Amino acid sequence: ITIYNFNDLEQGNVKESITHEYFHAIQNAYNQQSTWFKEACANWAATEVSEQYNVSLGWANDFIRNSYDESIYSTNGYGAVLLPLTIEKKYGGYSAIRSIYEEYNNNGFNLNFSQLKNVISNGIVSNGYSAGTFDDAYVDMATYLIDPIKHFATVINKNTSLVDINTNDYILLNSNNNTTIVDNDIIKSYASSYYYFEVDDSLLGDSTLTLTFDFSFDI
């Protein structure tokens, strides 16, 4: 087994870096994939083994800040650690990740995104969750991003410094601005966007106030 890329073995991150790189060796024993999911799972391993994982948290925070405008499959993978953390939480713990890598054995190298989705879905199912798919796990992750400190601190089960997500749009409704709000922004595929609505005190109790949301999505 060869452990490579010792560039990040600075003081305080030695165990995290070694764990991350060692997990690449474990991954390669199943299938030598070079996708964003490979880096995400290596960071997942680091959060599970290391007492401190400042590098992984830094990438996760960066992903959270940009999740509204970045497809998960267009990332470098490091910040997408939140996806395997979600899969672990929702679909059977460590064995869920192992089942995904066992599923890799049925596939070739350098899978495209559609093929990778099938591998992850089949791995979740083989771990005993017949209703679980990649899309289910992704939606769970996106839901957790509304309050990452609550959900991902529970997954990691250690003291973390995950940031609260910054809402993409903040909309204030008051007595002078209770008109229709139109936003035609297109969210990238497999990204997340959040809108925060605050109703001014002057409108509280107004029985004529109506909020109507009309949206569509396709993942």
N, C-alpha and C. Protein backbone atom coordinates (compact mmCIF):
# COMPACT_ATOMS: atom_id res chain seq x y z
N ILE A 1 0.86 -1.19 0.00
CA ILE A 1 0.00 0.00 0.00
C ILE A 1 0.89 1.23 0.00
N THR A 2 0.61 2.15 -0.89
CA THR A 2 1.37 3.40 -0.97
C THR A 2 0.47 4.55 -0.54
N ILE A 3 0.92 5.29 0.45
CA ILE A 3 0.21 6.49 0.88
C ILE A 3 0.92 7.68 0.25
N TYR A 4 0.17 8.50 -0.46
CA TYR A 4 0.76 9.59 -1.23
C TYR A 4 0.22 10.94 -0.76
N ASN A 5 0.78 11.98 -1.32
CA ASN A 5 0.33 13.35 -1.04
C ASN A 5 0.47 13.71 0.44
N PHE A 6 1.69 13.87 0.88
CA PHE A 6 1.95 14.26 2.26
C PHE A 6 2.10 15.78 2.41
N ASN A 7 1.61 16.51 1.45
CA ASN A 7 1.77 17.97 1.47
C ASN A 7 1.08 18.62 2.67
N ASP A 8 0.01 17.98 3.16
CA ASP A 8 -0.79 18.62 4.21
C ASP A 8 -0.47 18.09 5.61
N LEU A 9 0.69 17.50 5.78
CA LEU A 9 1.02 16.97 7.09
C LEU A 9 1.58 18.04 8.02
N GLU A 10 0.92 19.20 8.02
CA GLU A 10 1.37 20.26 8.91
C GLU A 10 0.93 19.95 10.33
N GLN A 11 1.46 20.69 11.27
CA GLN A 11 1.18 20.46 12.67
C GLN A 11 -0.32 20.51 12.94
N GLY A 12 -0.83 19.49 13.63
CA GLY A 12 -2.24 19.48 14.01
C GLY A 12 -3.13 18.71 13.06
N ASN A 13 -2.69 18.46 11.81
CA ASN A 13 -3.54 17.77 10.85
C ASN A 13 -2.93 16.44 10.39
N VAL A 14 -1.94 15.96 11.13
CA VAL A 14 -1.22 14.76 10.68
C VAL A 14 -2.16 13.56 10.62
N LYS A 15 -2.89 13.28 11.69
CA LYS A 15 -3.75 12.11 11.72
C LYS A 15 -4.85 12.20 10.66
N GLU A 16 -5.40 13.39 10.51
CA GLU A 16 -6.45 13.57 9.50
C GLU A 16 -5.92 13.31 8.10
N SER A 17 -4.75 13.85 7.80
CA SER A 17 -4.19 13.69 6.46
C SER A 17 -3.83 12.23 6.18
N ILE A 18 -3.22 11.55 7.15
CA ILE A 18 -2.86 10.16 6.96
C ILE A 18 -4.12 9.30 6.78
N THR A 19 -5.15 9.57 7.59
CA THR A 19 -6.40 8.82 7.46
C THR A 19 -7.03 9.02 6.09
N HIS A 20 -7.05 10.27 5.63
CA HIS A 20 -7.61 10.58 4.32
C HIS A 20 -6.89 9.81 3.22
N GLU A 21 -5.56 9.85 3.24
CA GLU A 21 -4.79 9.19 2.19
C GLU A 21 -4.84 7.66 2.32
N TYR A 22 -4.85 7.16 3.54
CA TYR A 22 -4.96 5.72 3.73
C TYR A 22 -6.29 5.20 3.21
N PHE A 23 -7.34 5.99 3.40
CA PHE A 23 -8.65 5.55 2.92
C PHE A 23 -8.67 5.47 1.40
N HIS A 24 -7.87 6.31 0.73
CA HIS A 24 -7.76 6.18 -0.72
C HIS A 24 -7.22 4.79 -1.09
N ALA A 25 -6.28 4.30 -0.30
CA ALA A 25 -5.75 2.96 -0.56
C ALA A 25 -6.84 1.90 -0.40
N ILE A 26 -7.69 2.07 0.61
CA ILE A 26 -8.81 1.14 0.80
C ILE A 26 -9.77 1.23 -0.38
N GLN A 27 -10.08 2.46 -0.82
CA GLN A 27 -10.97 2.63 -1.96
C GLN A 27 -10.42 1.95 -3.20
N ASN A 28 -9.12 2.12 -3.44
CA ASN A 28 -8.51 1.56 -4.63
C ASN A 28 -8.51 0.04 -4.62
N ALA A 29 -8.61 -0.55 -3.43
CA ALA A 29 -8.70 -2.00 -3.36
C ALA A 29 -10.03 -2.50 -3.92
N TYR A 30 -11.04 -1.64 -3.89
CA TYR A 30 -12.33 -1.99 -4.47
C TYR A 30 -12.38 -1.62 -5.96
N ASN A 31 -12.09 -0.36 -6.24
CA ASN A 31 -12.18 0.12 -7.63
C ASN A 31 -11.50 1.47 -7.69
N GLN A 32 -10.62 1.67 -8.62
CA GLN A 32 -9.84 2.91 -8.68
C GLN A 32 -10.64 4.02 -9.37
N GLN A 33 -11.56 4.59 -8.62
CA GLN A 33 -12.36 5.70 -9.13
C GLN A 33 -11.64 7.02 -8.84
N SER A 34 -11.83 7.98 -9.69
CA SER A 34 -11.21 9.30 -9.47
C SER A 34 -12.28 10.37 -9.62
N THR A 35 -13.32 10.26 -8.83
CA THR A 35 -14.43 11.20 -8.90
C THR A 35 -14.52 12.01 -7.62
N TRP A 36 -15.43 12.97 -7.61
CA TRP A 36 -15.66 13.80 -6.42
C TRP A 36 -16.08 12.94 -5.23
N PHE A 37 -16.79 11.83 -5.49
CA PHE A 37 -17.27 11.00 -4.39
C PHE A 37 -16.11 10.30 -3.67
N LYS A 38 -15.05 10.04 -4.40
CA LYS A 38 -13.86 9.42 -3.79
C LYS A 38 -13.27 10.34 -2.73
N GLU A 39 -13.14 11.63 -3.06
CA GLU A 39 -12.59 12.59 -2.09
C GLU A 39 -13.57 12.82 -0.94
N ALA A 40 -14.86 12.83 -1.26
CA ALA A 40 -15.87 13.03 -0.21
C ALA A 40 -15.79 11.91 0.83
N CYS A 41 -15.64 10.67 0.36
CA CYS A 41 -15.59 9.54 1.29
C CYS A 41 -14.27 9.50 2.05
N ALA A 42 -13.18 9.95 1.44
CA ALA A 42 -11.91 10.01 2.15
C ALA A 42 -11.99 11.03 3.29
N ASN A 43 -12.66 12.14 3.05
CA ASN A 43 -12.87 13.10 4.13
C ASN A 43 -13.83 12.55 5.17
N TRP A 44 -14.80 11.77 4.73
CA TRP A 44 -15.70 11.11 5.68
C TRP A 44 -14.90 10.23 6.63
N ALA A 45 -13.99 9.44 6.09
CA ALA A 45 -13.17 8.56 6.92
C ALA A 45 -12.36 9.37 7.92
N ALA A 46 -11.85 10.51 7.47
CA ALA A 46 -11.03 11.35 8.36
C ALA A 46 -11.85 11.87 9.53
N THR A 47 -13.12 12.24 9.27
CA THR A 47 -13.97 12.75 10.37
C THR A 47 -14.32 11.64 11.35
N GLU A 48 -14.34 10.41 10.88
CA GLU A 48 -14.71 9.30 11.76
C GLU A 48 -13.54 8.83 12.61
N VAL A 49 -12.32 8.95 12.10
CA VAL A 49 -11.16 8.39 12.78
C VAL A 49 -10.39 9.44 13.58
N SER A 50 -10.29 10.65 13.05
CA SER A 50 -9.44 11.68 13.64
C SER A 50 -10.16 12.40 14.78
N GLU A 51 -9.40 12.73 15.82
CA GLU A 51 -9.96 13.56 16.88
C GLU A 51 -10.21 14.98 16.39
N GLN A 52 -9.34 15.45 15.51
CA GLN A 52 -9.50 16.77 14.90
C GLN A 52 -9.47 16.59 13.38
N TYR A 53 -10.31 17.33 12.71
CA TYR A 53 -10.38 17.23 11.24
C TYR A 53 -10.67 18.60 10.68
N ASN A 54 -9.75 19.53 10.98
CA ASN A 54 -9.94 20.93 10.60
C ASN A 54 -9.99 21.12 9.09
N VAL A 55 -9.21 20.35 8.36
CA VAL A 55 -9.19 20.49 6.90
C VAL A 55 -10.55 20.08 6.32
N SER A 56 -11.08 18.96 6.76
CA SER A 56 -12.37 18.48 6.27
C SER A 56 -13.48 19.47 6.62
N LEU A 57 -13.44 20.01 7.83
CA LEU A 57 -14.46 20.98 8.22
C LEU A 57 -14.36 22.25 7.38
N GLY A 58 -13.13 22.65 7.07
CA GLY A 58 -12.96 23.83 6.23
C GLY A 58 -13.60 23.65 4.87
N TRP A 59 -13.39 22.47 4.27
CA TRP A 59 -14.01 22.19 2.97
C TRP A 59 -15.53 22.10 3.10
N ALA A 60 -16.02 21.50 4.18
CA ALA A 60 -17.46 21.39 4.37
C ALA A 60 -18.10 22.76 4.51
N ASN A 61 -17.46 23.63 5.26
CA ASN A 61 -17.99 24.99 5.41
C ASN A 61 -18.02 25.73 4.08
N ASP A 62 -16.98 25.54 3.28
CA ASP A 62 -16.96 26.17 1.97
C ASP A 62 -18.09 25.65 1.09
N PHE A 63 -18.34 24.35 1.16
CA PHE A 63 -19.43 23.76 0.39
C PHE A 63 -20.77 24.32 0.84
N ILE A 64 -20.96 24.46 2.15
CA ILE A 64 -22.22 24.98 2.68
C ILE A 64 -22.45 26.41 2.19
N ARG A 65 -21.41 27.22 2.22
CA ARG A 65 -21.56 28.62 1.79
C ARG A 65 -21.93 28.73 0.32
N ASN A 66 -21.52 27.75 -0.48
CA ASN A 66 -21.75 27.83 -1.92
C ASN A 66 -22.73 26.79 -2.44
N SER A 67 -23.44 26.13 -1.54
CA SER A 67 -24.28 25.01 -1.95
C SER A 67 -25.43 25.43 -2.84
N TYR A 68 -25.83 26.70 -2.74
CA TYR A 68 -26.97 27.15 -3.55
C TYR A 68 -26.61 27.30 -5.02
N ASP A 69 -25.32 27.35 -5.33
CA ASP A 69 -24.93 27.66 -6.71
C ASP A 69 -23.85 26.70 -7.21
N GLU A 70 -23.77 25.52 -6.61
CA GLU A 70 -22.73 24.59 -7.02
C GLU A 70 -23.29 23.18 -7.02
N SER A 71 -23.29 22.55 -8.19
CA SER A 71 -23.73 21.16 -8.28
C SER A 71 -22.77 20.28 -7.50
N ILE A 72 -23.30 19.32 -6.79
CA ILE A 72 -22.44 18.49 -5.96
C ILE A 72 -21.40 17.75 -6.80
N TYR A 73 -21.75 17.38 -8.02
CA TYR A 73 -20.81 16.64 -8.86
C TYR A 73 -19.80 17.55 -9.56
N SER A 74 -19.95 18.86 -9.44
CA SER A 74 -18.96 19.77 -10.02
C SER A 74 -17.94 20.21 -8.98
N THR A 75 -18.08 19.76 -7.74
CA THR A 75 -17.12 20.12 -6.71
C THR A 75 -15.86 19.29 -6.86
N ASN A 76 -14.83 19.68 -6.12
CA ASN A 76 -13.62 18.85 -6.08
C ASN A 76 -13.83 17.64 -5.18
N GLY A 77 -14.96 17.60 -4.50
CA GLY A 77 -15.31 16.45 -3.69
C GLY A 77 -15.08 16.60 -2.21
N TYR A 78 -14.11 17.39 -1.82
CA TYR A 78 -13.76 17.48 -0.40
C TYR A 78 -14.92 17.98 0.46
N GLY A 79 -15.58 19.04 0.00
CA GLY A 79 -16.71 19.58 0.76
C GLY A 79 -17.94 18.70 0.70
N ALA A 80 -18.02 17.84 -0.31
CA ALA A 80 -19.17 16.94 -0.45
C ALA A 80 -19.13 15.82 0.58
N VAL A 81 -18.22 15.90 1.54
CA VAL A 81 -18.18 14.98 2.67
C VAL A 81 -19.55 14.87 3.33
N LEU A 82 -20.36 15.92 3.21
CA LEU A 82 -21.67 15.92 3.85
C LEU A 82 -22.59 14.85 3.28
N LEU A 83 -22.36 14.43 2.04
CA LEU A 83 -23.20 13.38 1.47
C LEU A 83 -22.94 12.02 2.12
N PRO A 84 -21.69 11.52 2.16
CA PRO A 84 -21.49 10.25 2.87
C PRO A 84 -21.84 10.32 4.35
N LEU A 85 -21.68 11.48 4.97
CA LEU A 85 -22.11 11.63 6.36
C LEU A 85 -23.62 11.44 6.47
N THR A 86 -24.36 11.97 5.48
CA THR A 86 -25.81 11.79 5.47
C THR A 86 -26.18 10.34 5.23
N ILE A 87 -25.50 9.70 4.29
CA ILE A 87 -25.77 8.29 3.99
C ILE A 87 -25.53 7.43 5.23
N GLU A 88 -24.44 7.73 5.94
CA GLU A 88 -24.15 6.99 7.17
C GLU A 88 -25.28 7.15 8.18
N LYS A 89 -25.75 8.37 8.32
CA LYS A 89 -26.78 8.65 9.33
C LYS A 89 -28.11 7.99 8.98
N LYS A 90 -28.49 8.05 7.70
CA LYS A 90 -29.83 7.64 7.30
C LYS A 90 -29.95 6.19 6.87
N TYR A 91 -28.84 5.60 6.41
CA TYR A 91 -28.96 4.32 5.72
C TYR A 91 -28.07 3.21 6.28
N GLY A 92 -27.85 3.24 7.59
CA GLY A 92 -27.26 2.06 8.21
C GLY A 92 -25.84 2.15 8.70
N GLY A 93 -25.32 3.35 8.90
CA GLY A 93 -24.00 3.48 9.49
C GLY A 93 -22.87 3.15 8.55
N TYR A 94 -21.75 2.71 9.13
CA TYR A 94 -20.55 2.43 8.34
C TYR A 94 -20.81 1.44 7.22
N SER A 95 -21.67 0.46 7.49
CA SER A 95 -21.90 -0.59 6.50
C SER A 95 -22.52 -0.05 5.22
N ALA A 96 -23.19 1.10 5.30
CA ALA A 96 -23.76 1.70 4.10
C ALA A 96 -22.65 2.13 3.14
N ILE A 97 -21.60 2.75 3.68
CA ILE A 97 -20.47 3.16 2.84
C ILE A 97 -19.76 1.93 2.29
N ARG A 98 -19.58 0.91 3.13
CA ARG A 98 -18.93 -0.31 2.66
C ARG A 98 -19.74 -0.95 1.53
N SER A 99 -21.06 -0.97 1.66
CA SER A 99 -21.91 -1.58 0.63
C SER A 99 -21.78 -0.85 -0.70
N ILE A 100 -21.62 0.47 -0.64
CA ILE A 100 -21.43 1.24 -1.87
C ILE A 100 -20.14 0.83 -2.55
N TYR A 101 -19.08 0.67 -1.77
CA TYR A 101 -17.80 0.28 -2.38
C TYR A 101 -17.81 -1.17 -2.85
N GLU A 102 -18.56 -2.01 -2.20
CA GLU A 102 -18.72 -3.37 -2.71
C GLU A 102 -19.46 -3.35 -4.05
N GLU A 103 -20.40 -2.42 -4.17
CA GLU A 103 -21.13 -2.28 -5.43
C GLU A 103 -20.21 -1.79 -6.55
N TYR A 104 -19.20 -1.01 -6.20
CA TYR A 104 -18.22 -0.56 -7.19
C TYR A 104 -17.59 -1.74 -7.92
N ASN A 105 -17.47 -2.88 -7.25
CA ASN A 105 -16.82 -4.04 -7.85
C ASN A 105 -17.56 -4.53 -9.09
N ASN A 106 -18.82 -4.14 -9.24
CA ASN A 106 -19.62 -4.58 -10.39
C ASN A 106 -19.52 -3.61 -11.55
N ASN A 107 -18.65 -2.61 -11.44
CA ASN A 107 -18.58 -1.56 -12.45
C ASN A 107 -17.14 -1.30 -12.89
N GLY A 108 -17.01 -0.60 -14.00
CA GLY A 108 -15.69 -0.26 -14.52
C GLY A 108 -15.14 1.00 -13.88
N PHE A 109 -14.09 1.54 -14.49
CA PHE A 109 -13.43 2.72 -13.96
C PHE A 109 -14.07 3.99 -14.51
N ASN A 110 -13.84 5.09 -13.78
CA ASN A 110 -14.23 6.43 -14.24
C ASN A 110 -15.69 6.49 -14.67
N LEU A 111 -16.57 6.18 -13.74
CA LEU A 111 -18.00 6.21 -14.00
C LEU A 111 -18.49 7.64 -14.20
N ASN A 112 -19.46 7.81 -15.08
CA ASN A 112 -20.08 9.13 -15.21
C ASN A 112 -21.07 9.32 -14.06
N PHE A 113 -21.66 10.50 -13.98
CA PHE A 113 -22.51 10.83 -12.83
C PHE A 113 -23.71 9.89 -12.74
N SER A 114 -24.33 9.59 -13.86
CA SER A 114 -25.49 8.71 -13.86
C SER A 114 -25.13 7.31 -13.36
N GLN A 115 -23.99 6.81 -13.79
CA GLN A 115 -23.54 5.50 -13.34
C GLN A 115 -23.20 5.50 -11.85
N LEU A 116 -22.56 6.59 -11.39
CA LEU A 116 -22.22 6.71 -9.98
C LEU A 116 -23.48 6.75 -9.12
N LYS A 117 -24.51 7.45 -9.59
CA LYS A 117 -25.78 7.48 -8.86
C LYS A 117 -26.33 6.08 -8.68
N ASN A 118 -26.23 5.26 -9.72
CA ASN A 118 -26.73 3.88 -9.63
C ASN A 118 -25.92 3.06 -8.64
N VAL A 119 -24.60 3.26 -8.64
CA VAL A 119 -23.75 2.54 -7.69
C VAL A 119 -24.15 2.88 -6.26
N ILE A 120 -24.32 4.17 -5.98
CA ILE A 120 -24.69 4.60 -4.62
C ILE A 120 -26.07 4.09 -4.25
N SER A 121 -27.02 4.19 -5.18
CA SER A 121 -28.37 3.70 -4.92
C SER A 121 -28.37 2.20 -4.64
N ASN A 122 -27.66 1.43 -5.47
CA ASN A 122 -27.61 -0.02 -5.28
C ASN A 122 -26.91 -0.40 -3.98
N GLY A 123 -25.90 0.40 -3.62
CA GLY A 123 -25.22 0.14 -2.36
C GLY A 123 -26.13 0.36 -1.17
N ILE A 124 -26.94 1.41 -1.22
CA ILE A 124 -27.88 1.69 -0.14
C ILE A 124 -28.91 0.57 -0.03
N VAL A 125 -29.41 0.14 -1.18
CA VAL A 125 -30.40 -0.94 -1.19
C VAL A 125 -29.81 -2.24 -0.64
N SER A 126 -28.59 -2.56 -1.05
CA SER A 126 -27.97 -3.80 -0.59
C SER A 126 -27.65 -3.76 0.90
N ASN A 127 -27.67 -2.57 1.49
CA ASN A 127 -27.46 -2.45 2.93
C ASN A 127 -28.77 -2.55 3.70
N GLY A 128 -29.85 -2.88 2.98
CA GLY A 128 -31.11 -3.14 3.67
C GLY A 128 -32.14 -2.04 3.58
N TYR A 129 -31.88 -1.02 2.77
CA TYR A 129 -32.83 0.10 2.65
C TYR A 129 -33.39 0.11 1.24
N SER A 130 -34.44 -0.68 1.03
CA SER A 130 -34.97 -0.91 -0.31
C SER A 130 -35.52 0.35 -0.95
N ALA A 131 -35.90 1.35 -0.13
CA ALA A 131 -36.46 2.58 -0.68
C ALA A 131 -35.41 3.67 -0.86
N GLY A 132 -34.17 3.38 -0.53
CA GLY A 132 -33.13 4.41 -0.57
C GLY A 132 -32.50 4.54 -1.94
N THR A 133 -32.31 5.77 -2.39
CA THR A 133 -31.63 6.04 -3.66
C THR A 133 -30.66 7.19 -3.46
N PHE A 134 -29.85 7.45 -4.47
CA PHE A 134 -28.97 8.61 -4.43
C PHE A 134 -29.78 9.88 -4.24
N ASP A 135 -30.88 10.00 -4.99
CA ASP A 135 -31.71 11.20 -4.88
C ASP A 135 -32.27 11.38 -3.48
N ASP A 136 -32.67 10.28 -2.85
CA ASP A 136 -33.16 10.37 -1.47
C ASP A 136 -32.07 10.91 -0.55
N ALA A 137 -30.87 10.37 -0.69
CA ALA A 137 -29.76 10.80 0.15
C ALA A 137 -29.41 12.26 -0.12
N TYR A 138 -29.46 12.66 -1.39
CA TYR A 138 -29.16 14.05 -1.74
C TYR A 138 -30.19 15.00 -1.13
N VAL A 139 -31.48 14.65 -1.24
CA VAL A 139 -32.52 15.50 -0.67
C VAL A 139 -32.39 15.58 0.84
N ASP A 140 -32.05 14.45 1.48
CA ASP A 140 -31.81 14.47 2.92
C ASP A 140 -30.68 15.44 3.25
N MET A 141 -29.57 15.36 2.51
CA MET A 141 -28.44 16.24 2.75
C MET A 141 -28.84 17.70 2.58
N ALA A 142 -29.57 18.00 1.50
CA ALA A 142 -29.99 19.38 1.25
C ALA A 142 -30.90 19.88 2.35
N THR A 143 -31.73 19.00 2.89
CA THR A 143 -32.61 19.37 4.00
C THR A 143 -31.79 19.67 5.24
N TYR A 144 -30.79 18.85 5.51
CA TYR A 144 -29.94 19.08 6.68
C TYR A 144 -29.18 20.39 6.58
N LEU A 145 -28.92 20.85 5.36
CA LEU A 145 -28.17 22.09 5.19
C LEU A 145 -28.92 23.31 5.70
N ILE A 146 -30.23 23.17 5.91
CA ILE A 146 -30.99 24.28 6.48
C ILE A 146 -30.47 24.58 7.89
N ASP A 147 -30.07 23.56 8.60
CA ASP A 147 -29.52 23.73 9.95
C ASP A 147 -28.35 22.75 10.12
N PRO A 148 -27.23 23.03 9.48
CA PRO A 148 -26.12 22.06 9.48
C PRO A 148 -25.51 21.82 10.84
N ILE A 149 -25.51 22.83 11.71
CA ILE A 149 -24.92 22.64 13.03
C ILE A 149 -25.69 21.57 13.80
N LYS A 150 -27.01 21.59 13.68
CA LYS A 150 -27.84 20.60 14.36
C LYS A 150 -27.64 19.21 13.76
N HIS A 151 -27.75 19.09 12.45
CA HIS A 151 -27.81 17.78 11.83
C HIS A 151 -26.44 17.14 11.67
N PHE A 152 -25.45 17.91 11.24
CA PHE A 152 -24.17 17.29 10.97
C PHE A 152 -23.30 17.17 12.22
N ALA A 153 -23.54 18.00 13.21
CA ALA A 153 -22.85 17.81 14.48
C ALA A 153 -23.30 16.49 15.10
N THR A 154 -24.58 16.14 14.90
CA THR A 154 -25.09 14.87 15.40
C THR A 154 -24.45 13.71 14.66
N VAL A 155 -24.27 13.85 13.36
CA VAL A 155 -23.65 12.79 12.57
C VAL A 155 -22.21 12.58 12.99
N ILE A 156 -21.47 13.67 13.07
CA ILE A 156 -20.05 13.58 13.39
C ILE A 156 -19.85 13.24 14.86
N ASN A 157 -20.80 13.70 15.69
CA ASN A 157 -20.79 13.37 17.11
C ASN A 157 -19.55 13.89 17.83
N LYS A 158 -19.07 15.03 17.40
CA LYS A 158 -17.96 15.69 18.07
C LYS A 158 -18.22 17.19 17.99
N ASN A 159 -17.43 17.95 18.72
CA ASN A 159 -17.57 19.40 18.64
C ASN A 159 -17.11 19.87 17.26
N THR A 160 -17.96 20.61 16.58
CA THR A 160 -17.64 21.06 15.24
C THR A 160 -17.76 22.57 15.14
N SER A 161 -17.29 23.09 14.02
CA SER A 161 -17.41 24.53 13.78
C SER A 161 -18.13 24.79 12.46
N LEU A 162 -19.09 23.90 12.13
CA LEU A 162 -19.84 24.09 10.90
C LEU A 162 -20.64 25.39 10.97
N VAL A 163 -20.65 26.11 9.88
CA VAL A 163 -21.34 27.40 9.84
C VAL A 163 -22.82 27.18 9.59
N ASP A 164 -23.62 28.18 9.95
CA ASP A 164 -25.00 28.21 9.51
C ASP A 164 -25.01 28.61 8.04
N ILE A 165 -25.92 28.01 7.29
CA ILE A 165 -25.98 28.32 5.86
C ILE A 165 -26.43 29.76 5.66
N ASN A 166 -25.82 30.43 4.70
CA ASN A 166 -26.25 31.78 4.33
C ASN A 166 -27.36 31.66 3.30
N THR A 167 -28.52 32.23 3.61
CA THR A 167 -29.62 32.15 2.66
C THR A 167 -29.27 32.93 1.40
N ASN A 168 -29.68 32.38 0.27
CA ASN A 168 -29.40 33.01 -1.00
C ASN A 168 -30.18 34.30 -1.17
N ASP A 169 -31.40 34.34 -0.67
CA ASP A 169 -32.24 35.53 -0.79
C ASP A 169 -32.96 35.78 0.53
N TYR A 170 -32.96 37.02 0.93
CA TYR A 170 -33.65 37.45 2.13
C TYR A 170 -34.77 38.40 1.71
N ILE A 171 -36.00 38.06 2.00
CA ILE A 171 -37.14 38.84 1.53
C ILE A 171 -37.94 39.32 2.74
N LEU A 172 -38.09 40.62 2.85
CA LEU A 172 -38.85 41.22 3.93
C LEU A 172 -40.18 41.75 3.40
N LEU A 173 -41.26 41.29 3.98
CA LEU A 173 -42.58 41.77 3.60
C LEU A 173 -43.08 42.73 4.67
N ASN A 174 -43.38 43.96 4.26
CA ASN A 174 -43.92 44.93 5.21
C ASN A 174 -45.08 45.66 4.57
N SER A 175 -45.63 46.63 5.30
CA SER A 175 -46.85 47.30 4.84
C SER A 175 -46.63 48.09 3.56
N ASN A 176 -45.39 48.42 3.24
CA ASN A 176 -45.11 49.16 2.02
C ASN A 176 -44.59 48.27 0.89
N ASN A 177 -44.50 47.01 1.16
CA ASN A 177 -43.89 46.12 0.17
C ASN A 177 -44.53 44.73 0.24
N ASN A 178 -45.85 44.72 0.09
CA ASN A 178 -46.56 43.44 0.16
C ASN A 178 -47.08 43.05 -1.23
N THR A 179 -46.23 43.26 -2.21
CA THR A 179 -46.59 42.95 -3.58
C THR A 179 -45.97 41.62 -4.00
N THR A 180 -46.28 41.18 -5.21
CA THR A 180 -45.76 39.92 -5.72
C THR A 180 -44.25 40.01 -5.92
N ILE A 181 -43.55 39.02 -5.48
CA ILE A 181 -42.10 38.94 -5.64
C ILE A 181 -41.79 37.87 -6.67
N VAL A 182 -41.06 38.25 -7.69
CA VAL A 182 -40.74 37.32 -8.76
C VAL A 182 -39.24 37.06 -8.75
N ASP A 183 -38.87 35.81 -8.74
CA ASP A 183 -37.47 35.43 -8.80
C ASP A 183 -37.35 34.27 -9.79
N ASN A 184 -36.70 34.51 -10.88
CA ASN A 184 -36.60 33.51 -11.93
C ASN A 184 -35.22 32.84 -11.97
N ASP A 185 -34.49 32.91 -10.86
CA ASP A 185 -33.19 32.27 -10.82
C ASP A 185 -33.32 30.76 -11.04
N ILE A 186 -32.40 30.21 -11.79
CA ILE A 186 -32.36 28.78 -12.03
C ILE A 186 -31.25 28.18 -11.17
N ILE A 187 -31.63 27.29 -10.29
CA ILE A 187 -30.66 26.64 -9.43
C ILE A 187 -29.99 25.52 -10.20
N LYS A 188 -28.71 25.40 -10.07
CA LYS A 188 -27.99 24.36 -10.79
C LYS A 188 -28.46 22.97 -10.34
N SER A 189 -28.38 22.02 -11.25
CA SER A 189 -28.77 20.65 -10.94
C SER A 189 -27.97 20.12 -9.75
N TYR A 190 -28.66 19.51 -8.82
CA TYR A 190 -28.04 18.97 -7.62
C TYR A 190 -27.29 20.03 -6.82
N ALA A 191 -27.86 21.22 -6.78
CA ALA A 191 -27.41 22.26 -5.85
C ALA A 191 -28.59 22.56 -4.93
N SER A 192 -28.41 23.49 -4.00
CA SER A 192 -29.47 23.81 -3.05
C SER A 192 -29.59 25.31 -2.93
N SER A 193 -30.81 25.80 -2.73
CA SER A 193 -31.01 27.23 -2.54
C SER A 193 -32.09 27.43 -1.49
N TYR A 194 -31.92 28.48 -0.68
CA TYR A 194 -32.85 28.72 0.41
C TYR A 194 -33.29 30.18 0.39
N TYR A 195 -34.56 30.40 0.71
CA TYR A 195 -35.12 31.75 0.74
C TYR A 195 -35.73 31.99 2.12
N TYR A 196 -35.36 33.12 2.69
CA TYR A 196 -35.83 33.46 4.02
C TYR A 196 -36.87 34.57 3.93
N PHE A 197 -38.05 34.31 4.46
CA PHE A 197 -39.13 35.29 4.42
C PHE A 197 -39.40 35.78 5.84
N GLU A 198 -39.46 37.08 5.99
CA GLU A 198 -39.79 37.67 7.28
C GLU A 198 -40.95 38.64 7.10
N VAL A 199 -41.98 38.45 7.88
CA VAL A 199 -43.16 39.31 7.80
C VAL A 199 -43.05 40.37 8.88
N ASP A 200 -43.18 41.62 8.48
CA ASP A 200 -43.09 42.74 9.40
C ASP A 200 -44.22 42.68 10.43
N ASP A 201 -43.94 43.18 11.63
CA ASP A 201 -44.94 43.16 12.70
C ASP A 201 -46.22 43.88 12.29
N SER A 202 -46.08 44.86 11.41
CA SER A 202 -47.26 45.64 11.01
C SER A 202 -48.29 44.79 10.26
N LEU A 203 -47.85 43.64 9.76
CA LEU A 203 -48.77 42.79 9.01
C LEU A 203 -49.30 41.61 9.82
N LEU A 204 -48.78 41.42 11.01
CA LEU A 204 -49.24 40.32 11.83
C LEU A 204 -50.70 40.49 12.18
N GLY A 205 -51.46 39.44 12.04
CA GLY A 205 -52.89 39.52 12.30
C GLY A 205 -53.71 40.01 11.14
N ASP A 206 -53.05 40.35 10.02
CA ASP A 206 -53.76 40.81 8.83
C ASP A 206 -54.33 39.61 8.09
N SER A 207 -55.63 39.44 8.14
CA SER A 207 -56.27 38.27 7.53
C SER A 207 -56.22 38.32 6.01
N THR A 208 -55.86 39.48 5.43
CA THR A 208 -55.82 39.59 3.97
C THR A 208 -54.45 39.22 3.41
N LEU A 209 -53.47 38.99 4.28
CA LEU A 209 -52.13 38.67 3.82
C LEU A 209 -52.07 37.24 3.31
N THR A 210 -51.61 37.08 2.09
CA THR A 210 -51.51 35.74 1.49
C THR A 210 -50.13 35.57 0.89
N LEU A 211 -49.48 34.49 1.24
CA LEU A 211 -48.20 34.14 0.65
C LEU A 211 -48.42 32.95 -0.27
N THR A 212 -48.08 33.12 -1.54
CA THR A 212 -48.24 32.06 -2.52
C THR A 212 -46.89 31.70 -3.11
N PHE A 213 -46.55 30.42 -3.07
CA PHE A 213 -45.28 29.95 -3.61
C PHE A 213 -45.56 29.04 -4.80
N ASP A 214 -44.94 29.34 -5.91
CA ASP A 214 -45.13 28.54 -7.10
C ASP A 214 -43.73 28.21 -7.64
N PHE A 215 -43.37 26.94 -7.59
CA PHE A 215 -42.03 26.58 -8.04
C PHE A 215 -42.07 25.17 -8.63
N SER A 216 -41.01 24.85 -9.35
CA SER A 216 -40.88 23.51 -9.89
C SER A 216 -39.41 23.11 -9.77
N PHE A 217 -39.15 21.81 -9.77
CA PHE A 217 -37.78 21.36 -9.70
C PHE A 217 -37.65 20.03 -10.43
N ASP A 218 -36.46 19.77 -10.86
CA ASP A 218 -36.16 18.54 -11.55
C ASP A 218 -34.73 18.14 -11.23
N ILE A 219 -34.57 17.07 -10.44
CA ILE A 219 -33.24 16.60 -10.09
C ILE A 219 -32.99 15.25 -10.75
